[in-house]
Amino acid sequence: MRSIFMQFYRIEDSVQACFKSNQLQLLRATSSNFMA
């Protein structure tokens, strides 16, 4: 059971990291559009 929980936490961490990187890219795109 413990290994399954560890795998789930790893997947959740990778998903959160993906969302964070996507948010950073969106922020950069919007900021560059405002500056242009």
PDB file of N, CA and C in Angstrom:
ATOM      1  N   MET A   1       0.842  -1.207   0.000  1.00  0.00           N
ATOM      2  CA  MET A   1       0.000   0.000   0.000  1.00  0.00           C
ATOM      3  C   MET A   1       0.877   1.257   0.000  1.00  0.00           C
ATOM      4  N   ARG A   2       1.942   1.230   0.777  1.00  0.00           N
ATOM      5  CA  ARG A   2       2.764   2.433   0.904  1.00  0.00           C
ATOM      6  C   ARG A   2       3.361   2.820  -0.449  1.00  0.00           C
ATOM      7  N   SER A   3       3.799   1.818  -1.229  1.00  0.00           N
ATOM      8  CA  SER A   3       4.417   2.134  -2.526  1.00  0.00           C
ATOM      9  C   SER A   3       3.395   2.784  -3.453  1.00  0.00           C
ATOM     10  N   ILE A   4       2.141   2.340  -3.387  1.00  0.00           N
ATOM     11  CA  ILE A   4       1.106   2.933  -4.244  1.00  0.00           C
ATOM     12  C   ILE A   4       0.907   4.397  -3.865  1.00  0.00           C
ATOM     13  N   PHE A   5       0.878   4.669  -2.558  1.00  0.00           N
ATOM     14  CA  PHE A   5       0.714   6.059  -2.124  1.00  0.00           C
ATOM     15  C   PHE A   5       1.895   6.908  -2.580  1.00  0.00           C
ATOM     16  N   MET A   6       3.110   6.362  -2.492  1.00  0.00           N
ATOM     17  CA  MET A   6       4.291   7.112  -2.922  1.00  0.00           C
ATOM     18  C   MET A   6       4.202   7.416  -4.410  1.00  0.00           C
ATOM     19  N   GLN A   7       3.764   6.456  -5.221  1.00  0.00           N
ATOM     20  CA  GLN A   7       3.629   6.701  -6.656  1.00  0.00           C
ATOM     21  C   GLN A   7       2.592   7.789  -6.907  1.00  0.00           C
ATOM     22  N   PHE A   8       1.489   7.766  -6.166  1.00  0.00           N
ATOM     23  CA  PHE A   8       0.444   8.775  -6.347  1.00  0.00           C
ATOM     24  C   PHE A   8       0.987  10.160  -6.017  1.00  0.00           C
ATOM     25  N   TYR A   9       1.747  10.260  -4.920  1.00  0.00           N
ATOM     26  CA  TYR A   9       2.312  11.567  -4.544  1.00  0.00           C
ATOM     27  C   TYR A   9       3.277  12.053  -5.612  1.00  0.00           C
ATOM     28  N   ARG A  10       4.063  11.138  -6.198  1.00  0.00           N
ATOM     29  CA  ARG A  10       5.002  11.546  -7.246  1.00  0.00           C
ATOM     30  C   ARG A  10       4.233  12.068  -8.446  1.00  0.00           C
ATOM     31  N   ILE A  11       3.152  11.387  -8.817  1.00  0.00           N
ATOM     32  CA  ILE A  11       2.348  11.838  -9.966  1.00  0.00           C
ATOM     33  C   ILE A  11       1.759  13.215  -9.664  1.00  0.00           C
ATOM     34  N   GLU A  12       1.261  13.392  -8.445  1.00  0.00           N
ATOM     35  CA  GLU A  12       0.666  14.679  -8.070  1.00  0.00           C
ATOM     36  C   GLU A  12       1.719  15.784  -8.137  1.00  0.00           C
ATOM     37  N   ASP A  13       2.933  15.501  -7.656  1.00  0.00           N
ATOM     38  CA  ASP A  13       4.003  16.505  -7.703  1.00  0.00           C
ATOM     39  C   ASP A  13       4.327  16.865  -9.144  1.00  0.00           C
ATOM     40  N   SER A  14       4.413  15.865 -10.028  1.00  0.00           N
ATOM     41  CA  SER A  14       4.744  16.152 -11.429  1.00  0.00           C
ATOM     42  C   SER A  14       3.626  16.962 -12.077  1.00  0.00           C
ATOM     43  N   VAL A  15       2.372  16.660 -11.739  1.00  0.00           N
ATOM     44  CA  VAL A  15       1.251  17.415 -12.310  1.00  0.00           C
ATOM     45  C   VAL A  15       1.301  18.858 -11.824  1.00  0.00           C
ATOM     46  N   GLN A  16       1.567  19.053 -10.534  1.00  0.00           N
ATOM     47  CA  GLN A  16       1.647  20.419  -9.997  1.00  0.00           C
ATOM     48  C   GLN A  16       2.793  21.175 -10.653  1.00  0.00           C
ATOM     49  N   ALA A  17       3.929  20.516 -10.872  1.00  0.00           N
ATOM     50  CA  ALA A  17       5.071  21.170 -11.518  1.00  0.00           C
ATOM     51  C   ALA A  17       4.695  21.562 -12.942  1.00  0.00           C
ATOM     52  N   CYS A  18       3.944  20.693 -13.632  1.00  0.00           N
ATOM     53  CA  CYS A  18       3.521  21.003 -15.004  1.00  0.00           C
ATOM     54  C   CYS A  18       2.609  22.219 -14.994  1.00  0.00           C
ATOM     55  N   PHE A  19       1.657  22.268 -14.055  1.00  0.00           N
ATOM     56  CA  PHE A  19       0.746  23.414 -13.986  1.00  0.00           C
ATOM     57  C   PHE A  19       1.525  24.695 -13.695  1.00  0.00           C
ATOM     58  N   LYS A  20       2.498  24.614 -12.795  1.00  0.00           N
ATOM     59  CA  LYS A  20       3.290  25.803 -12.456  1.00  0.00           C
ATOM     60  C   LYS A  20       4.043  26.301 -13.678  1.00  0.00           C
ATOM     61  N   SER A  21       4.664  25.381 -14.429  1.00  0.00           N
ATOM     62  CA  SER A  21       5.422  25.805 -15.615  1.00  0.00           C
ATOM     63  C   SER A  21       4.477  26.412 -16.643  1.00  0.00           C
ATOM     64  N   ASN A  22       3.278  25.836 -16.791  1.00  0.00           N
ATOM     65  CA  ASN A  22       2.313  26.392 -17.745  1.00  0.00           C
ATOM     66  C   ASN A  22       1.878  27.786 -17.311  1.00  0.00           C
ATOM     67  N   GLN A  23       1.657  27.981 -16.012  1.00  0.00           N
ATOM     68  CA  GLN A  23       1.264  29.302 -15.516  1.00  0.00           C
ATOM     69  C   GLN A  23       2.375  30.310 -15.763  1.00  0.00           C
ATOM     70  N   LEU A  24       3.638  29.909 -15.568  1.00  0.00           N
ATOM     71  CA  LEU A  24       4.757  30.823 -15.811  1.00  0.00           C
ATOM     72  C   LEU A  24       4.797  31.213 -17.280  1.00  0.00           C
ATOM     73  N   GLN A  25       4.595  30.249 -18.176  1.00  0.00           N
ATOM     74  CA  GLN A  25       4.604  30.549 -19.610  1.00  0.00           C
ATOM     75  C   GLN A  25       3.468  31.501 -19.949  1.00  0.00           C
ATOM     76  N   LEU A  26       2.289  31.291 -19.358  1.00  0.00           N
ATOM     77  CA  LEU A  26       1.157  32.185 -19.624  1.00  0.00           C
ATOM     78  C   LEU A  26       1.467  33.586 -19.115  1.00  0.00           C
ATOM     79  N   LEU A  27       2.063  33.686 -17.929  1.00  0.00           N
ATOM     80  CA  LEU A  27       2.413  35.003 -17.383  1.00  0.00           C
ATOM     81  C   LEU A  27       3.405  35.710 -18.301  1.00  0.00           C
ATOM     82  N   ARG A  28       4.401  34.976 -18.797  1.00  0.00           N
ATOM     83  CA  ARG A  28       5.386  35.590 -19.688  1.00  0.00           C
ATOM     84  C   ARG A  28       4.717  36.055 -20.972  1.00  0.00           C
ATOM     85  N   ALA A  29       3.816  35.242 -21.520  1.00  0.00           N
ATOM     86  CA  ALA A  29       3.150  35.607 -22.774  1.00  0.00           C
ATOM     87  C   ALA A  29       2.288  36.850 -22.564  1.00  0.00           C
ATOM     88  N   THR A  30       1.525  36.895 -21.479  1.00  0.00           N
ATOM     89  CA  THR A  30       0.650  38.047 -21.241  1.00  0.00           C
ATOM     90  C   THR A  30       1.480  39.295 -20.970  1.00  0.00           C
ATOM     91  N   SER A  31       2.547  39.163 -20.198  1.00  0.00           N
ATOM     92  CA  SER A  31       3.383  40.335 -19.894  1.00  0.00           C
ATOM     93  C   SER A  31       4.040  40.854 -21.172  1.00  0.00           C
ATOM     94  N   SER A  32       4.493  39.959 -22.041  1.00  0.00           N
ATOM     95  CA  SER A  32       5.127  40.406 -23.291  1.00  0.00           C
ATOM     96  C   SER A  32       4.089  41.084 -24.185  1.00  0.00           C
ATOM     97  N   ASN A  33       2.851  40.595 -24.161  1.00  0.00           N
ATOM     98  CA  ASN A  33       1.800  41.227 -24.967  1.00  0.00           C
ATOM     99  C   ASN A  33       1.496  42.625 -24.434  1.00  0.00           C
ATOM    100  N   PHE A  34       1.475  42.783 -23.111  1.00  0.00           N
ATOM    101  CA  PHE A  34       1.214  44.107 -22.536  1.00  0.00           C
ATOM    102  C   PHE A  34       2.356  45.067 -22.870  1.00  0.00           C
ATOM    103  N   MET A  35       3.591  44.573 -22.840  1.00  0.00           N
ATOM    104  CA  MET A  35       4.744  45.432 -23.123  1.00  0.00           C
ATOM    105  C   MET A  35       4.777  45.826 -24.595  1.00  0.00           C
ATOM    106  N   ALA A  36       4.332  44.960 -25.489  1.00  0.00           N
ATOM    107  CA  ALA A  36       4.404  45.247 -26.932  1.00  0.00           C
ATOM    108  C   ALA A  36       3.465  46.388 -27.318  1.00  0.00           C
TER     109      ALA A  36
END
